[in-house]
Amino acid sequence: MTEYQTVRHEFAPVYNAESRILILGTFPSVKSREQQFFYGHPQNRFWKVIAALTGSRLPQNIEEKKQMLLENHIAVWDVIAECEIIGSSDSSIRNVVPTDLQCILKAADIEHIYANGATAKKLFDRFQKKSCGREIIGLPSTSPANAAFSLERLIKEWECILY
């Protein structure tokens, strides 16, 4: 049986003063933790969705990913700073320590906050909504575990971030 591990988020959010959109994931997957960057699993559709929506070429490395986000005024971080988790399973998450979103909210004029998946939305609502005084808009997860959504359907659902 796989055991719970206590894991801490070890890489920084991506944002700058020009960021207007904040996209929050739940917690980095095993692959993302290995790469020390967001959405590192090769089957995660996050980068394909953002590239399609922004008319950008699909980024191939971390620097290109950061550049695409910042050029399009998008900030990315996660809801959880530390938790107990089995592998990459959002459904196994327990004993959550939330991230402090104030560094981003103070540095940038964030107009909208989006959750990449239902778990990120639920955890934001539970741990950060009150302290932020902000609402979050839930979007379908780009994770490969969300097999119900094709890439085309994800792109359609995520179009709202452009407005």
Protein backbone atom coordinates (compact mmCIF):
# COMPACT_ATOMS: atom_id res chain seq x y z
CA MET A 1 0.00 0.00 0.00
CA THR A 2 1.26 3.47 -0.87
CA GLU A 3 1.87 5.70 2.09
CA TYR A 4 1.13 9.33 2.76
CA GLN A 5 4.04 11.72 2.48
CA THR A 6 4.22 15.18 3.99
CA VAL A 7 5.29 17.38 1.09
CA ARG A 8 6.05 21.09 0.90
CA HIS A 9 5.61 23.27 -2.21
CA GLU A 10 9.18 24.12 -3.19
CA PHE A 11 8.97 26.49 -6.14
CA ALA A 12 7.78 30.06 -6.44
CA PRO A 13 4.64 31.39 -8.11
CA VAL A 14 4.88 32.98 -11.55
CA TYR A 15 3.63 36.58 -11.60
CA ASN A 16 4.66 40.19 -12.05
CA ALA A 17 3.08 43.61 -11.60
CA GLU A 18 1.33 43.27 -14.98
CA SER A 19 -0.49 40.03 -14.06
CA ARG A 20 -4.28 40.38 -14.26
CA ILE A 21 -5.38 36.72 -14.15
CA LEU A 22 -4.44 34.30 -11.38
CA ILE A 23 -4.80 30.58 -12.05
CA LEU A 24 -4.55 28.35 -8.99
CA GLY A 25 -3.87 24.65 -9.08
CA THR A 26 -4.15 22.38 -6.08
CA PHE A 27 -0.62 21.10 -5.42
CA PRO A 28 2.24 20.07 -7.74
CA SER A 29 2.14 16.52 -9.08
CA VAL A 30 5.10 14.19 -8.59
CA LYS A 31 6.33 15.13 -12.10
CA SER A 32 5.95 18.85 -11.37
CA ARG A 33 7.85 18.46 -8.10
CA GLU A 34 10.64 16.66 -9.98
CA GLN A 35 10.82 19.46 -12.57
CA GLN A 36 10.33 22.21 -9.96
CA PHE A 37 7.65 23.84 -12.12
CA PHE A 38 3.92 23.83 -12.72
CA TYR A 39 2.05 21.23 -14.78
CA GLY A 40 5.08 19.06 -15.47
CA HIS A 41 3.24 15.84 -16.33
CA PRO A 42 3.52 15.35 -20.11
CA GLN A 43 -0.19 14.45 -20.33
CA ASN A 44 -1.40 17.54 -18.46
CA ARG A 45 -3.12 19.81 -20.97
CA PHE A 46 -2.53 23.13 -19.15
CA TRP A 47 0.20 24.41 -21.48
CA LYS A 48 -1.72 23.35 -24.60
CA VAL A 49 -4.85 25.12 -23.35
CA ILE A 50 -3.04 28.37 -22.48
CA ALA A 51 -1.08 28.35 -25.76
CA ALA A 52 -4.29 27.82 -27.76
CA LEU A 53 -6.15 30.58 -25.93
CA THR A 54 -3.35 33.11 -26.22
CA GLY A 55 -2.38 32.26 -29.79
CA SER A 56 1.10 31.33 -28.57
CA ARG A 57 3.36 28.57 -29.73
CA LEU A 58 3.49 25.63 -27.30
CA PRO A 59 6.32 26.37 -24.85
CA GLN A 60 9.07 23.75 -24.68
CA ASN A 61 10.86 24.63 -21.45
CA ILE A 62 10.33 26.44 -18.15
CA GLU A 63 11.61 29.80 -19.41
CA GLU A 64 9.26 29.71 -22.41
CA LYS A 65 6.36 28.75 -20.12
CA LYS A 66 7.09 31.67 -17.79
CA GLN A 67 7.42 34.04 -20.76
CA MET A 68 4.08 32.93 -22.25
CA LEU A 69 2.30 33.41 -18.92
CA LEU A 70 3.79 36.82 -18.18
CA GLU A 71 3.32 38.14 -21.75
CA ASN A 72 -0.36 37.30 -21.39
CA HIS A 73 -0.71 38.80 -17.89
CA ILE A 74 -1.30 35.40 -16.30
CA ALA A 75 -0.07 34.47 -12.83
CA VAL A 76 0.08 30.83 -11.71
CA TRP A 77 0.34 29.31 -8.27
CA ASP A 78 -1.21 26.65 -6.12
CA VAL A 79 -3.66 26.69 -3.22
CA ILE A 80 -1.58 24.40 -1.00
CA ALA A 81 1.83 25.19 0.50
CA GLU A 82 2.14 21.88 2.35
CA CYS A 83 0.06 18.75 2.80
CA GLU A 84 0.04 15.02 3.22
CA ILE A 85 -0.53 13.31 -0.11
CA ILE A 86 -0.21 9.94 -1.79
CA GLY A 87 1.69 10.44 -5.05
CA SER A 88 -0.16 13.03 -7.15
CA SER A 89 -3.68 12.18 -6.03
CA ASP A 90 -5.74 15.29 -5.21
CA SER A 91 -8.33 13.03 -3.59
CA SER A 92 -5.75 11.86 -1.04
CA ILE A 93 -4.81 15.36 0.17
CA ARG A 94 -5.11 15.94 3.91
CA ASN A 95 -3.67 18.22 6.62
CA VAL A 96 -3.50 21.22 4.31
CA VAL A 97 -1.36 24.30 4.94
CA PRO A 98 -2.59 26.91 2.42
CA THR A 99 -0.33 29.24 0.46
CA ASP A 100 -0.35 32.94 1.24
CA LEU A 101 -1.76 34.59 -1.86
CA GLN A 102 -1.18 38.12 -0.57
CA CYS A 103 2.24 38.42 -2.23
CA ILE A 104 0.54 38.17 -5.63
CA LEU A 105 -2.60 40.13 -4.74
CA LYS A 106 -0.52 43.03 -3.37
CA ALA A 107 1.96 43.08 -6.27
CA ALA A 108 -0.49 42.80 -9.16
CA ASP A 109 -3.95 44.11 -9.98
CA ILE A 110 -5.53 40.67 -10.28
CA GLU A 111 -8.95 41.00 -11.92
CA HIS A 112 -10.03 37.35 -11.78
CA ILE A 113 -8.94 34.21 -9.95
CA TYR A 114 -9.53 30.82 -11.56
CA ALA A 115 -9.24 27.33 -10.12
CA ASN A 116 -7.75 24.59 -12.28
CA GLY A 117 -10.17 21.90 -11.13
CA ALA A 118 -12.83 21.33 -8.49
CA THR A 119 -10.38 20.44 -5.71
CA ALA A 120 -8.47 23.70 -6.11
CA LYS A 121 -11.76 25.63 -5.95
CA LYS A 122 -12.98 23.73 -2.90
CA LEU A 123 -9.69 24.26 -1.03
CA PHE A 124 -9.54 27.96 -1.96
CA ASP A 125 -13.12 28.42 -0.71
CA ARG A 126 -12.24 26.64 2.52
CA PHE A 127 -8.84 28.14 3.31
CA GLN A 128 -8.33 31.40 1.40
CA LYS A 129 -11.61 32.98 0.32
CA LYS A 130 -12.18 34.77 3.60
CA SER A 131 -8.63 36.12 3.96
CA CYS A 132 -8.52 37.20 0.30
CA GLY A 133 -12.03 38.60 0.22
CA ARG A 134 -12.23 37.32 -3.36
CA GLU A 135 -14.27 34.83 -5.33
CA ILE A 136 -12.74 32.12 -7.47
CA ILE A 137 -14.13 30.78 -10.75
CA GLY A 138 -13.87 27.02 -11.08
CA LEU A 139 -12.69 25.57 -14.38
CA PRO A 140 -12.38 21.91 -15.38
CA SER A 141 -9.03 20.39 -14.49
CA THR A 142 -6.39 20.10 -17.20
CA SER A 143 -5.06 16.98 -15.46
CA PRO A 144 -4.87 13.73 -17.41
CA ALA A 145 -7.10 12.28 -14.66
CA ASN A 146 -9.93 14.43 -16.09
CA ALA A 147 -10.48 12.12 -19.05
CA ALA A 148 -14.08 13.31 -19.47
CA PHE A 149 -12.78 16.51 -21.09
CA SER A 150 -11.09 16.46 -24.49
CA LEU A 151 -8.51 19.14 -25.24
CA GLU A 152 -11.05 20.92 -27.46
CA ARG A 153 -13.65 20.91 -24.68
CA LEU A 154 -11.12 22.21 -22.15
CA ILE A 155 -10.16 25.06 -24.47
CA LYS A 156 -13.83 25.98 -24.88
CA GLU A 157 -14.44 25.92 -21.10
CA TRP A 158 -11.29 27.93 -20.38
CA GLU A 159 -12.08 30.68 -22.95
CA CYS A 160 -13.57 32.77 -20.15
CA ILE A 161 -10.09 33.67 -18.88
CA LEU A 162 -9.65 35.90 -21.93
CA TYR A 163 -12.42 38.33 -20.93
